[in-house]
Amino acid sequence: MAHMTETSAIFTAASVAVVTWVALFGYLMKIDTALKKLEGRK
């Protein structure tokens, strides 16, 4: 394993956090849209 400096470690952690939040946000938006469609059918 290559030696990771503190800066690259922080950058990696930040990148993972951003990707995770974007994925969660997109997933929540899909659920919200699906719920609105279901409510519209009633």
N, C-alpha and C. Protein backbone atom coordinates (compact mmCIF):
# COMPACT_ATOMS: atom_id res chain seq x y z
N MET A 1 0.85 -1.20 0.00
CA MET A 1 0.00 0.00 0.00
C MET A 1 0.88 1.24 0.00
N ALA A 2 0.52 2.19 -0.85
CA ALA A 2 1.31 3.40 -0.96
C ALA A 2 1.16 4.26 0.29
N HIS A 3 2.20 5.03 0.58
CA HIS A 3 2.15 5.91 1.75
C HIS A 3 1.20 7.06 1.48
N MET A 4 0.22 7.23 2.36
CA MET A 4 -0.75 8.31 2.16
C MET A 4 -0.44 9.46 3.10
N THR A 5 -0.34 10.65 2.52
CA THR A 5 -0.12 11.83 3.35
C THR A 5 -1.43 12.22 4.00
N GLU A 6 -1.36 13.08 4.98
CA GLU A 6 -2.57 13.50 5.69
C GLU A 6 -3.53 14.20 4.73
N THR A 7 -2.97 15.00 3.81
CA THR A 7 -3.81 15.74 2.87
C THR A 7 -4.59 14.81 1.96
N SER A 8 -3.92 13.79 1.41
CA SER A 8 -4.62 12.87 0.51
C SER A 8 -5.64 12.04 1.28
N ALA A 9 -5.35 11.74 2.53
CA ALA A 9 -6.29 10.97 3.35
C ALA A 9 -7.56 11.80 3.58
N ILE A 10 -7.38 13.08 3.88
CA ILE A 10 -8.53 13.97 4.09
C ILE A 10 -9.32 14.11 2.79
N PHE A 11 -8.60 14.26 1.67
CA PHE A 11 -9.25 14.41 0.37
C PHE A 11 -10.06 13.16 0.03
N THR A 12 -9.49 12.00 0.32
CA THR A 12 -10.19 10.74 0.05
C THR A 12 -11.45 10.64 0.90
N ALA A 13 -11.33 10.96 2.18
CA ALA A 13 -12.48 10.90 3.08
C ALA A 13 -13.56 11.88 2.63
N ALA A 14 -13.16 13.07 2.21
CA ALA A 14 -14.12 14.08 1.75
C ALA A 14 -14.82 13.59 0.49
N SER A 15 -14.07 12.98 -0.42
CA SER A 15 -14.66 12.48 -1.67
C SER A 15 -15.70 11.39 -1.37
N VAL A 16 -15.36 10.49 -0.48
CA VAL A 16 -16.28 9.41 -0.11
C VAL A 16 -17.54 9.99 0.52
N ALA A 17 -17.37 11.00 1.38
CA ALA A 17 -18.51 11.62 2.05
C ALA A 17 -19.42 12.29 1.03
N VAL A 18 -18.83 13.01 0.07
CA VAL A 18 -19.63 13.70 -0.96
C VAL A 18 -20.40 12.70 -1.80
N VAL A 19 -19.73 11.64 -2.24
CA VAL A 19 -20.39 10.62 -3.06
C VAL A 19 -21.54 9.98 -2.28
N THR A 20 -21.30 9.70 -0.99
CA THR A 20 -22.34 9.09 -0.16
C THR A 20 -23.55 10.00 -0.03
N TRP A 21 -23.31 11.31 0.24
CA TRP A 21 -24.42 12.26 0.40
C TRP A 21 -25.19 12.42 -0.90
N VAL A 22 -24.47 12.48 -2.04
CA VAL A 22 -25.15 12.63 -3.34
C VAL A 22 -26.02 11.41 -3.61
N ALA A 23 -25.49 10.21 -3.31
CA ALA A 23 -26.25 8.98 -3.54
C ALA A 23 -27.49 8.95 -2.64
N LEU A 24 -27.32 9.33 -1.38
CA LEU A 24 -28.46 9.35 -0.44
C LEU A 24 -29.50 10.36 -0.88
N PHE A 25 -29.05 11.55 -1.31
CA PHE A 25 -29.98 12.60 -1.73
C PHE A 25 -30.76 12.15 -2.95
N GLY A 26 -30.08 11.54 -3.92
CA GLY A 26 -30.75 11.06 -5.13
C GLY A 26 -31.76 9.98 -4.79
N TYR A 27 -31.40 9.09 -3.86
CA TYR A 27 -32.30 8.01 -3.44
C TYR A 27 -33.55 8.58 -2.77
N LEU A 28 -33.35 9.59 -1.89
CA LEU A 28 -34.48 10.21 -1.21
C LEU A 28 -35.39 10.94 -2.19
N MET A 29 -34.80 11.58 -3.21
CA MET A 29 -35.60 12.28 -4.21
C MET A 29 -36.45 11.29 -5.00
N LYS A 30 -35.88 10.11 -5.29
CA LYS A 30 -36.64 9.08 -6.02
C LYS A 30 -37.83 8.62 -5.18
N ILE A 31 -37.61 8.40 -3.89
CA ILE A 31 -38.69 7.97 -2.99
C ILE A 31 -39.76 9.05 -2.92
N ASP A 32 -39.33 10.32 -2.80
CA ASP A 32 -40.27 11.43 -2.70
C ASP A 32 -41.14 11.50 -3.95
N THR A 33 -40.51 11.34 -5.12
CA THR A 33 -41.25 11.38 -6.39
C THR A 33 -42.24 10.22 -6.46
N ALA A 34 -41.80 9.03 -6.04
CA ALA A 34 -42.67 7.85 -6.08
C ALA A 34 -43.87 8.04 -5.15
N LEU A 35 -43.63 8.60 -3.97
CA LEU A 35 -44.73 8.83 -3.01
C LEU A 35 -45.73 9.83 -3.57
N LYS A 36 -45.23 10.88 -4.23
CA LYS A 36 -46.14 11.88 -4.80
C LYS A 36 -46.99 11.26 -5.91
N LYS A 37 -46.38 10.36 -6.69
CA LYS A 37 -47.13 9.68 -7.76
C LYS A 37 -48.22 8.80 -7.16
N LEU A 38 -47.89 8.09 -6.07
CA LEU A 38 -48.87 7.23 -5.41
C LEU A 38 -50.01 8.06 -4.83
N GLU A 39 -49.68 9.20 -4.24
CA GLU A 39 -50.72 10.06 -3.66
C GLU A 39 -51.61 10.62 -4.76
N GLY A 40 -51.02 10.88 -5.93
CA GLY A 40 -51.79 11.44 -7.03
C GLY A 40 -52.80 10.46 -7.60
N ARG A 41 -52.53 9.15 -7.44
CA ARG A 41 -53.43 8.13 -7.98
C ARG A 41 -54.70 7.99 -7.15
N LYS A 42 -54.62 8.35 -5.87
CA LYS A 42 -55.79 8.18 -4.98
C LYS A 42 -56.92 9.12 -5.38
